Amino acid sequence: MTLSSLYSGRGHANFERALAAYRSSGIQRAQKPTVIRRSDVASWRSAVAAPLSLIVLASAKILWSVLHIMFRRLQPVSIALFLVMAAFVAGFVMFSEHVTTMQPPTIDKPADGIVVLTGGHARIRTALDLLREKKGQRLLISGVHAATNKQDLKRINQDDQNLFDCCIDLDRSALNTLGNATESERWIRAHGYRSVIVVTNGYHIPRSILEMSNRMKDVEFIPYPVVNGDKRPQGWIGYGDELRILLVEYVKYLGAYARAGLSNLLGIDVESLSF
């Protein structure tokens, strides 16, 4: 093609068509969207999922280790607490049933002496009756108020004035059940007694006998519970005041039992831990 033909009509038309085709192909290349293949997506997901799975797996292992440690440590504690509570409740029920159904025994063979622990007029009245019936040679009233003397007791128990003159001793030192046992031991040893009737309320009998028997293993103690009034139809569990007294006494009994066991185990006297 000559230079002159380039400017001719035919040559000019060919040139314009070639230029338009070139521009069209460039625009199409620019507007053509990027194609994302499934394989590329899968590869990307795998690349992202791999670190996430490792993080989740590591977190799960850490959590399991923590729970396993807590389970191993807390499970025995929880079981132990449950067993302790169950034993406490079961023991309390058995204790309450026992002390609320106690009845005075029949004394066929007289004992050497009688000890009554103060805490109500019915206790002293019962002990005086036993002494009058010659169920014991002498009577010790333990835990009498410091200001109380025999004359005061005579005025209250006018029918037994002769007994006070001959056969009754007063202990004003005891302040609690352990003190009752201590003063009773002195009195029993002083008279050389080998068998003693212990008079107190039914709920107080187990702890009283425990304290005295722990101190004087060579002496026979005969529990004589004082029964106040008629038996309630609903039993002890239906009355809040009686339930409270029984619960307090049961806790004290457990404390005295633990102290006595510790004293026997270590071979020492732990009187300071009194209840």
C-alpha atoms as a PDB file:
ATOM      1  CA  MET A   1       0.000   0.000   0.000  1.00  0.00           C
ATOM      2  CA  THR A   2       1.342   3.375  -1.085  1.00  0.00           C
ATOM      3  CA  LEU A   3       1.227   6.528   0.944  1.00  0.00           C
ATOM      4  CA  SER A   4      -1.292   8.017  -1.428  1.00  0.00           C
ATOM      5  CA  SER A   5      -3.665   5.102  -1.059  1.00  0.00           C
ATOM      6  CA  LEU A   6      -3.536   5.490   2.719  1.00  0.00           C
ATOM      7  CA  TYR A   7      -5.346   8.745   2.372  1.00  0.00           C
ATOM      8  CA  SER A   8      -7.776   7.465  -0.124  1.00  0.00           C
ATOM      9  CA  GLY A   9     -11.377   6.571   0.890  1.00  0.00           C
ATOM     10  CA  ARG A  10     -10.872   2.856   0.898  1.00  0.00           C
ATOM     11  CA  GLY A  11      -7.668   2.951   2.845  1.00  0.00           C
ATOM     12  CA  HIS A  12      -9.133   5.337   5.354  1.00  0.00           C
ATOM     13  CA  ALA A  13     -12.100   3.025   5.988  1.00  0.00           C
ATOM     14  CA  ASN A  14      -9.858   0.061   6.575  1.00  0.00           C
ATOM     15  CA  PHE A  15      -7.820   2.042   9.039  1.00  0.00           C
ATOM     16  CA  GLU A  16     -10.890   3.092  11.022  1.00  0.00           C
ATOM     17  CA  ARG A  17     -12.190  -0.468  11.251  1.00  0.00           C
ATOM     18  CA  ALA A  18      -8.836  -1.756  12.496  1.00  0.00           C
ATOM     19  CA  LEU A  19      -8.647   0.978  15.119  1.00  0.00           C
ATOM     20  CA  ALA A  20     -12.192   0.289  16.326  1.00  0.00           C
ATOM     21  CA  ALA A  21     -11.494  -3.436  16.604  1.00  0.00           C
ATOM     22  CA  TYR A  22      -8.396  -2.796  18.649  1.00  0.00           C
ATOM     23  CA  ARG A  23     -10.212  -0.461  21.037  1.00  0.00           C
ATOM     24  CA  SER A  24     -13.084  -2.914  21.425  1.00  0.00           C
ATOM     25  CA  SER A  25     -10.803  -5.771  22.342  1.00  0.00           C
ATOM     26  CA  GLY A  26      -9.025  -3.591  24.953  1.00  0.00           C
ATOM     27  CA  ILE A  27     -12.329  -2.535  26.592  1.00  0.00           C
ATOM     28  CA  GLN A  28     -13.498  -6.141  26.759  1.00  0.00           C
ATOM     29  CA  ARG A  29     -10.228  -7.162  28.382  1.00  0.00           C
ATOM     30  CA  ALA A  30     -10.606  -4.369  30.948  1.00  0.00           C
ATOM     31  CA  GLN A  31     -14.262  -5.202  31.727  1.00  0.00           C
ATOM     32  CA  LYS A  32     -13.814  -8.951  31.928  1.00  0.00           C
ATOM     33  CA  PRO A  33     -14.462 -10.042  35.579  1.00  0.00           C
ATOM     34  CA  THR A  34     -12.010 -12.065  37.571  1.00  0.00           C
ATOM     35  CA  VAL A  35     -13.038 -15.721  37.704  1.00  0.00           C
ATOM     36  CA  ILE A  36     -12.645 -17.430  41.169  1.00  0.00           C
ATOM     37  CA  ARG A  37     -12.396 -21.138  40.801  1.00  0.00           C
ATOM     38  CA  ARG A  38     -13.784 -23.616  43.310  1.00  0.00           C
ATOM     39  CA  SER A  39     -10.392 -25.102  43.842  1.00  0.00           C
ATOM     40  CA  ASP A  40      -9.084 -21.707  44.878  1.00  0.00           C
ATOM     41  CA  VAL A  41     -11.939 -21.295  47.401  1.00  0.00           C
ATOM     42  CA  ALA A  42     -11.338 -24.741  48.819  1.00  0.00           C
ATOM     43  CA  SER A  43      -7.649 -24.043  49.198  1.00  0.00           C
ATOM     44  CA  TRP A  44      -8.364 -20.767  51.001  1.00  0.00           C
ATOM     45  CA  ARG A  45     -10.866 -22.368  53.329  1.00  0.00           C
ATOM     46  CA  SER A  46      -8.417 -25.125  54.156  1.00  0.00           C
ATOM     47  CA  ALA A  47      -5.724 -22.588  54.866  1.00  0.00           C
ATOM     48  CA  VAL A  48      -8.029 -20.668  57.229  1.00  0.00           C
ATOM     49  CA  ALA A  49      -9.685 -23.721  58.813  1.00  0.00           C
ATOM     50  CA  ALA A  50      -6.403 -25.376  59.720  1.00  0.00           C
ATOM     51  CA  PRO A  51      -5.341 -22.733  62.287  1.00  0.00           C
ATOM     52  CA  LEU A  52      -8.928 -22.463  63.642  1.00  0.00           C
ATOM     53  CA  SER A  53      -9.177 -26.195  64.196  1.00  0.00           C
ATOM     54  CA  LEU A  54      -5.877 -26.195  65.987  1.00  0.00           C
ATOM     55  CA  ILE A  55      -7.027 -23.353  68.244  1.00  0.00           C
ATOM     56  CA  VAL A  56     -10.320 -25.101  69.032  1.00  0.00           C
ATOM     57  CA  LEU A  57      -8.555 -28.388  69.699  1.00  0.00           C
ATOM     58  CA  ALA A  58      -6.003 -26.745  71.955  1.00  0.00           C
ATOM     59  CA  SER A  59      -8.745 -24.862  73.834  1.00  0.00           C
ATOM     60  CA  ALA A  60     -10.741 -28.050  74.277  1.00  0.00           C
ATOM     61  CA  LYS A  61      -7.713 -29.863  75.660  1.00  0.00           C
ATOM     62  CA  ILE A  62      -7.000 -27.052  78.120  1.00  0.00           C
ATOM     63  CA  LEU A  63     -10.630 -26.936  79.244  1.00  0.00           C
ATOM     64  CA  TRP A  64     -10.747 -30.700  79.674  1.00  0.00           C
ATOM     65  CA  SER A  65      -7.538 -30.652  81.700  1.00  0.00           C
ATOM     66  CA  VAL A  66      -8.929 -27.962  83.998  1.00  0.00           C
ATOM     67  CA  LEU A  67     -12.251 -29.778  84.434  1.00  0.00           C
ATOM     68  CA  HIS A  68     -10.485 -33.075  85.003  1.00  0.00           C
ATOM     69  CA  ILE A  69      -8.337 -31.560  87.745  1.00  0.00           C
ATOM     70  CA  MET A  70     -11.351 -29.886  89.360  1.00  0.00           C
ATOM     71  CA  PHE A  71     -13.388 -33.078  89.092  1.00  0.00           C
ATOM     72  CA  ARG A  72     -10.676 -35.172  90.696  1.00  0.00           C
ATOM     73  CA  ARG A  73     -10.189 -32.710  93.517  1.00  0.00           C
ATOM     74  CA  LEU A  74     -13.749 -31.635  94.155  1.00  0.00           C
ATOM     75  CA  GLN A  75     -15.477 -34.981  93.811  1.00  0.00           C
ATOM     76  CA  PRO A  76     -13.982 -36.547  96.967  1.00  0.00           C
ATOM     77  CA  VAL A  77     -14.644 -33.352  98.905  1.00  0.00           C
ATOM     78  CA  SER A  78     -18.244 -33.244  97.741  1.00  0.00           C
ATOM     79  CA  ILE A  79     -18.772 -36.899  98.525  1.00  0.00           C
ATOM     80  CA  ALA A  80     -17.165 -36.494 101.939  1.00  0.00           C
ATOM     81  CA  LEU A  81     -19.340 -33.488 102.774  1.00  0.00           C
ATOM     82  CA  PHE A  82     -22.447 -35.344 101.684  1.00  0.00           C
ATOM     83  CA  LEU A  83     -21.544 -38.380 103.781  1.00  0.00           C
ATOM     84  CA  VAL A  84     -20.786 -36.206 106.807  1.00  0.00           C
ATOM     85  CA  MET A  85     -24.100 -34.394 106.511  1.00  0.00           C
ATOM     86  CA  ALA A  86     -25.989 -37.646 105.993  1.00  0.00           C
ATOM     87  CA  ALA A  87     -24.288 -39.208 109.014  1.00  0.00           C
ATOM     88  CA  PHE A  88     -25.038 -36.109 111.109  1.00  0.00           C
ATOM     89  CA  VAL A  89     -28.734 -36.149 110.226  1.00  0.00           C
ATOM     90  CA  ALA A  90     -29.060 -39.902 110.676  1.00  0.00           C
ATOM     91  CA  GLY A  91     -27.251 -39.730 113.998  1.00  0.00           C
ATOM     92  CA  PHE A  92     -29.448 -36.888 115.177  1.00  0.00           C
ATOM     93  CA  VAL A  93     -32.611 -38.822 114.347  1.00  0.00           C
ATOM     94  CA  MET A  94     -31.342 -41.917 116.162  1.00  0.00           C
ATOM     95  CA  PHE A  95     -30.202 -39.832 119.136  1.00  0.00           C
ATOM     96  CA  SER A  96     -33.543 -38.030 119.400  1.00  0.00           C
ATOM     97  CA  GLU A  97     -35.561 -41.207 119.104  1.00  0.00           C
ATOM     98  CA  HIS A  98     -33.439 -42.838 121.781  1.00  0.00           C
ATOM     99  CA  VAL A  99     -33.528 -40.080 124.399  1.00  0.00           C
ATOM    100  CA  THR A 100     -37.206 -39.210 123.935  1.00  0.00           C
ATOM    101  CA  THR A 101     -38.330 -42.805 124.451  1.00  0.00           C
ATOM    102  CA  MET A 102     -36.160 -43.556 127.482  1.00  0.00           C
ATOM    103  CA  GLN A 103     -37.957 -44.770 130.586  1.00  0.00           C
ATOM    104  CA  PRO A 104     -36.689 -45.055 134.170  1.00  0.00           C
ATOM    105  CA  PRO A 105     -35.281 -48.511 134.806  1.00  0.00           C
ATOM    106  CA  THR A 106     -36.412 -50.827 137.563  1.00  0.00           C
ATOM    107  CA  ILE A 107     -33.752 -50.777 140.286  1.00  0.00           C
ATOM    108  CA  ASP A 108     -33.767 -54.263 141.784  1.00  0.00           C
ATOM    109  CA  LYS A 109     -30.318 -54.069 143.341  1.00  0.00           C
ATOM    110  CA  PRO A 110     -29.525 -50.849 145.211  1.00  0.00           C
ATOM    111  CA  ALA A 111     -26.503 -48.895 144.059  1.00  0.00           C
ATOM    112  CA  ASP A 112     -23.838 -47.472 146.329  1.00  0.00           C
ATOM    113  CA  GLY A 113     -24.707 -43.866 145.646  1.00  0.00           C
ATOM    114  CA  ILE A 114     -26.961 -41.502 143.708  1.00  0.00           C
ATOM    115  CA  VAL A 115     -25.913 -38.395 141.748  1.00  0.00           C
ATOM    116  CA  VAL A 116     -28.436 -35.891 140.457  1.00  0.00           C
ATOM    117  CA  LEU A 117     -27.430 -33.133 138.049  1.00  0.00           C
ATOM    118  CA  THR A 118     -29.336 -29.927 138.715  1.00  0.00           C
ATOM    119  CA  GLY A 119     -31.474 -28.369 136.029  1.00  0.00           C
ATOM    120  CA  GLY A 120     -35.010 -28.655 137.321  1.00  0.00           C
ATOM    121  CA  HIS A 121     -37.009 -29.452 140.431  1.00  0.00           C
ATOM    122  CA  ALA A 122     -38.224 -32.728 138.923  1.00  0.00           C
ATOM    123  CA  ARG A 123     -34.665 -34.063 138.870  1.00  0.00           C
ATOM    124  CA  ILE A 124     -34.124 -33.404 142.580  1.00  0.00           C
ATOM    125  CA  ARG A 125     -37.571 -34.756 143.434  1.00  0.00           C
ATOM    126  CA  THR A 126     -36.828 -37.991 141.557  1.00  0.00           C
ATOM    127  CA  ALA A 127     -33.431 -38.382 143.247  1.00  0.00           C
ATOM    128  CA  LEU A 128     -34.947 -37.823 146.687  1.00  0.00           C
ATOM    129  CA  ASP A 129     -37.519 -40.508 145.968  1.00  0.00           C
ATOM    130  CA  LEU A 130     -34.757 -42.951 145.076  1.00  0.00           C
ATOM    131  CA  LEU A 131     -32.863 -42.108 148.236  1.00  0.00           C
ATOM    132  CA  ARG A 132     -36.014 -42.504 150.325  1.00  0.00           C
ATOM    133  CA  GLU A 133     -36.528 -45.921 148.742  1.00  0.00           C
ATOM    134  CA  LYS A 134     -32.965 -46.802 149.749  1.00  0.00           C
ATOM    135  CA  LYS A 135     -31.783 -47.266 146.177  1.00  0.00           C
ATOM    136  CA  GLY A 136     -28.503 -45.678 147.248  1.00  0.00           C
ATOM    137  CA  GLN A 137     -26.638 -44.912 150.468  1.00  0.00           C
ATOM    138  CA  ARG A 138     -26.078 -41.209 149.828  1.00  0.00           C
ATOM    139  CA  LEU A 139     -27.117 -38.545 147.343  1.00  0.00           C
ATOM    140  CA  LEU A 140     -24.960 -35.880 145.714  1.00  0.00           C
ATOM    141  CA  ILE A 141     -26.776 -32.869 144.253  1.00  0.00           C
ATOM    142  CA  SER A 142     -24.259 -31.561 141.721  1.00  0.00           C
ATOM    143  CA  GLY A 143     -24.324 -28.054 140.277  1.00  0.00           C
ATOM    144  CA  VAL A 144     -26.158 -26.275 143.085  1.00  0.00           C
ATOM    145  CA  HIS A 145     -26.074 -22.473 142.946  1.00  0.00           C
ATOM    146  CA  ALA A 146     -23.353 -20.999 145.147  1.00  0.00           C
ATOM    147  CA  ALA A 147     -25.914 -19.122 147.277  1.00  0.00           C
ATOM    148  CA  THR A 148     -28.099 -22.210 147.847  1.00  0.00           C
ATOM    149  CA  ASN A 149     -27.708 -24.215 151.045  1.00  0.00           C
ATOM    150  CA  LYS A 150     -29.373 -27.214 152.606  1.00  0.00           C
ATOM    151  CA  GLN A 151     -31.866 -25.064 154.482  1.00  0.00           C
ATOM    152  CA  ASP A 152     -33.142 -23.662 151.202  1.00  0.00           C
ATOM    153  CA  LEU A 153     -33.590 -27.145 149.807  1.00  0.00           C
ATOM    154  CA  LYS A 154     -35.271 -28.279 153.008  1.00  0.00           C
ATOM    155  CA  ARG A 155     -37.894 -25.568 152.673  1.00  0.00           C
ATOM    156  CA  ILE A 156     -38.622 -26.688 149.121  1.00  0.00           C
ATOM    157  CA  ASN A 157     -38.688 -30.389 150.037  1.00  0.00           C
ATOM    158  CA  GLN A 158     -40.208 -30.362 153.503  1.00  0.00           C
ATOM    159  CA  ASP A 159     -41.021 -34.067 153.484  1.00  0.00           C
ATOM    160  CA  ASP A 160     -37.364 -35.036 153.225  1.00  0.00           C
ATOM    161  CA  GLN A 161     -35.689 -32.919 155.902  1.00  0.00           C
ATOM    162  CA  ASN A 162     -34.241 -35.941 157.681  1.00  0.00           C
ATOM    163  CA  LEU A 163     -32.593 -37.081 154.447  1.00  0.00           C
ATOM    164  CA  PHE A 164     -30.844 -33.732 154.121  1.00  0.00           C
ATOM    165  CA  ASP A 165     -29.450 -34.098 157.614  1.00  0.00           C
ATOM    166  CA  CYS A 166     -28.037 -37.564 157.158  1.00  0.00           C
ATOM    167  CA  CYS A 167     -27.466 -38.531 153.586  1.00  0.00           C
ATOM    168  CA  ILE A 168     -27.287 -35.587 151.149  1.00  0.00           C
ATOM    169  CA  ASP A 169     -24.238 -33.682 149.955  1.00  0.00           C
ATOM    170  CA  LEU A 170     -24.186 -30.513 147.846  1.00  0.00           C
ATOM    171  CA  ASP A 171     -21.763 -29.618 145.069  1.00  0.00           C
ATOM    172  CA  ARG A 172     -21.584 -25.879 144.302  1.00  0.00           C
ATOM    173  CA  SER A 173     -18.527 -25.965 142.036  1.00  0.00           C
ATOM    174  CA  ALA A 174     -19.844 -27.600 138.869  1.00  0.00           C
ATOM    175  CA  LEU A 175     -20.871 -25.168 136.138  1.00  0.00           C
ATOM    176  CA  ASN A 176     -21.486 -27.634 133.297  1.00  0.00           C
ATOM    177  CA  THR A 177     -21.708 -31.345 132.588  1.00  0.00           C
ATOM    178  CA  LEU A 178     -17.943 -31.809 132.616  1.00  0.00           C
ATOM    179  CA  GLY A 179     -17.849 -30.063 135.978  1.00  0.00           C
ATOM    180  CA  ASN A 180     -20.587 -32.396 137.211  1.00  0.00           C
ATOM    181  CA  ALA A 181     -18.415 -35.358 136.238  1.00  0.00           C
ATOM    182  CA  THR A 182     -15.348 -33.876 137.926  1.00  0.00           C
ATOM    183  CA  GLU A 183     -17.099 -33.157 141.218  1.00  0.00           C
ATOM    184  CA  SER A 184     -18.949 -36.465 141.094  1.00  0.00           C
ATOM    185  CA  GLU A 185     -15.640 -38.274 140.732  1.00  0.00           C
ATOM    186  CA  ARG A 186     -14.297 -36.631 143.871  1.00  0.00           C
ATOM    187  CA  TRP A 187     -17.409 -37.571 145.810  1.00  0.00           C
ATOM    188  CA  ILE A 188     -17.460 -41.153 144.483  1.00  0.00           C
ATOM    189  CA  ARG A 189     -13.759 -41.709 145.193  1.00  0.00           C
ATOM    190  CA  ALA A 190     -14.111 -40.234 148.669  1.00  0.00           C
ATOM    191  CA  HIS A 191     -16.813 -42.755 149.554  1.00  0.00           C
ATOM    192  CA  GLY A 192     -15.334 -45.670 147.613  1.00  0.00           C
ATOM    193  CA  TYR A 193     -18.486 -46.288 145.587  1.00  0.00           C
ATOM    194  CA  ARG A 194     -18.488 -48.798 142.721  1.00  0.00           C
ATOM    195  CA  SER A 195     -22.033 -48.306 141.420  1.00  0.00           C
ATOM    196  CA  VAL A 196     -23.876 -44.999 141.058  1.00  0.00           C
ATOM    197  CA  ILE A 197     -27.316 -44.008 139.782  1.00  0.00           C
ATOM    198  CA  VAL A 198     -27.208 -40.878 137.612  1.00  0.00           C
ATOM    199  CA  VAL A 199     -30.423 -38.823 137.587  1.00  0.00           C
ATOM    200  CA  THR A 200     -31.041 -36.190 134.911  1.00  0.00           C
ATOM    201  CA  ASN A 201     -33.329 -35.485 131.961  1.00  0.00           C
ATOM    202  CA  GLY A 202     -33.465 -38.074 129.203  1.00  0.00           C
ATOM    203  CA  TYR A 203     -31.829 -35.900 126.579  1.00  0.00           C
ATOM    204  CA  HIS A 204     -28.950 -35.220 129.010  1.00  0.00           C
ATOM    205  CA  ILE A 205     -28.331 -38.864 129.921  1.00  0.00           C
ATOM    206  CA  PRO A 206     -25.968 -39.843 127.038  1.00  0.00           C
ATOM    207  CA  ARG A 207     -23.547 -36.967 127.598  1.00  0.00           C
ATOM    208  CA  SER A 208     -23.642 -37.287 131.380  1.00  0.00           C
ATOM    209  CA  ILE A 209     -22.901 -41.014 131.307  1.00  0.00           C
ATOM    210  CA  LEU A 210     -20.188 -40.440 128.687  1.00  0.00           C
ATOM    211  CA  GLU A 211     -18.405 -37.822 130.790  1.00  0.00           C
ATOM    212  CA  MET A 212     -18.548 -39.888 133.975  1.00  0.00           C
ATOM    213  CA  SER A 213     -17.678 -43.219 132.376  1.00  0.00           C
ATOM    214  CA  ASN A 214     -14.698 -41.656 130.617  1.00  0.00           C
ATOM    215  CA  ARG A 215     -13.320 -40.451 133.963  1.00  0.00           C
ATOM    216  CA  MET A 216     -14.268 -43.485 136.060  1.00  0.00           C
ATOM    217  CA  LYS A 217     -14.028 -46.621 133.970  1.00  0.00           C
ATOM    218  CA  ASP A 218     -14.090 -48.825 137.076  1.00  0.00           C
ATOM    219  CA  VAL A 219     -17.462 -47.498 138.256  1.00  0.00           C
ATOM    220  CA  GLU A 220     -20.846 -48.735 137.037  1.00  0.00           C
ATOM    221  CA  PHE A 221     -23.190 -45.884 136.169  1.00  0.00           C
ATOM    222  CA  ILE A 222     -26.915 -46.558 136.014  1.00  0.00           C
ATOM    223  CA  PRO A 223     -28.796 -43.957 133.929  1.00  0.00           C
ATOM    224  CA  TYR A 224     -32.080 -42.841 135.428  1.00  0.00           C
ATOM    225  CA  PRO A 225     -33.893 -40.465 133.063  1.00  0.00           C
ATOM    226  CA  VAL A 226     -36.474 -38.035 134.389  1.00  0.00           C
ATOM    227  CA  VAL A 227     -39.617 -38.087 132.267  1.00  0.00           C
ATOM    228  CA  ASN A 228     -41.455 -34.760 132.317  1.00  0.00           C
ATOM    229  CA  GLY A 229     -45.190 -35.014 131.599  1.00  0.00           C
ATOM    230  CA  ASP A 230     -47.001 -37.206 129.129  1.00  0.00           C
ATOM    231  CA  LYS A 231     -45.554 -38.232 125.813  1.00  0.00           C
ATOM    232  CA  ARG A 232     -46.517 -35.872 123.034  1.00  0.00           C
ATOM    233  CA  PRO A 233     -48.656 -37.421 120.280  1.00  0.00           C
ATOM    234  CA  GLN A 234     -46.576 -36.019 117.407  1.00  0.00           C
ATOM    235  CA  GLY A 235     -43.255 -36.917 118.970  1.00  0.00           C
ATOM    236  CA  TRP A 236     -40.233 -34.649 119.268  1.00  0.00           C
ATOM    237  CA  ILE A 237     -40.155 -33.721 115.581  1.00  0.00           C
ATOM    238  CA  GLY A 238     -43.418 -31.806 115.743  1.00  0.00           C
ATOM    239  CA  TYR A 239     -42.333 -29.304 118.397  1.00  0.00           C
ATOM    240  CA  GLY A 240     -39.819 -26.564 117.682  1.00  0.00           C
ATOM    241  CA  ASP A 241     -38.709 -25.987 121.276  1.00  0.00           C
ATOM    242  CA  GLU A 242     -37.979 -29.658 121.867  1.00  0.00           C
ATOM    243  CA  LEU A 243     -36.296 -29.980 118.485  1.00  0.00           C
ATOM    244  CA  ARG A 244     -33.972 -27.092 119.324  1.00  0.00           C
ATOM    245  CA  ILE A 245     -33.044 -28.574 122.704  1.00  0.00           C
ATOM    246  CA  LEU A 246     -32.344 -31.958 121.161  1.00  0.00           C
ATOM    247  CA  LEU A 247     -30.212 -30.470 118.381  1.00  0.00           C
ATOM    248  CA  VAL A 248     -28.119 -28.424 120.806  1.00  0.00           C
ATOM    249  CA  GLU A 249     -27.652 -31.406 123.090  1.00  0.00           C
ATOM    250  CA  TYR A 250     -26.731 -33.649 120.161  1.00  0.00           C
ATOM    251  CA  VAL A 251     -24.016 -31.241 119.050  1.00  0.00           C
ATOM    252  CA  LYS A 252     -22.707 -31.064 122.613  1.00  0.00           C
ATOM    253  CA  TYR A 253     -22.741 -34.837 122.817  1.00  0.00           C
ATOM    254  CA  LEU A 254     -20.695 -35.115 119.614  1.00  0.00           C
ATOM    255  CA  GLY A 255     -18.221 -32.591 120.997  1.00  0.00           C
ATOM    256  CA  ALA A 256     -17.908 -34.483 124.268  1.00  0.00           C
ATOM    257  CA  TYR A 257     -17.504 -37.758 122.377  1.00  0.00           C
ATOM    258  CA  ALA A 258     -14.748 -36.287 120.207  1.00  0.00           C
ATOM    259  CA  ARG A 259     -12.987 -34.821 123.235  1.00  0.00           C
ATOM    260  CA  ALA A 260     -13.192 -38.111 125.130  1.00  0.00           C
ATOM    261  CA  GLY A 261     -11.843 -39.983 122.118  1.00  0.00           C
ATOM    262  CA  LEU A 262      -8.989 -37.505 121.730  1.00  0.00           C
ATOM    263  CA  SER A 263      -8.187 -37.749 125.428  1.00  0.00           C
ATOM    264  CA  ASN A 264      -8.048 -41.552 125.287  1.00  0.00           C
ATOM    265  CA  LEU A 265      -6.031 -41.541 122.060  1.00  0.00           C
ATOM    266  CA  LEU A 266      -3.391 -39.089 123.246  1.00  0.00           C
ATOM    267  CA  GLY A 267      -3.479 -40.162 126.858  1.00  0.00           C
ATOM    268  CA  ILE A 268      -3.938 -36.600 128.088  1.00  0.00           C
ATOM    269  CA  ASP A 269      -6.649 -34.717 129.922  1.00  0.00           C
ATOM    270  CA  VAL A 270      -8.398 -32.120 127.741  1.00  0.00           C
ATOM    271  CA  GLU A 271     -10.860 -30.752 130.236  1.00  0.00           C
ATOM    272  CA  SER A 272     -10.443 -27.238 128.844  1.00  0.00           C
ATOM    273  CA  LEU A 273     -12.498 -28.325 125.831  1.00  0.00           C
ATOM    274  CA  SER A 274     -15.714 -28.487 127.818  1.00  0.00           C
ATOM    275  CA  PHE A 275     -19.290 -28.240 126.496  1.00  0.00           C
END
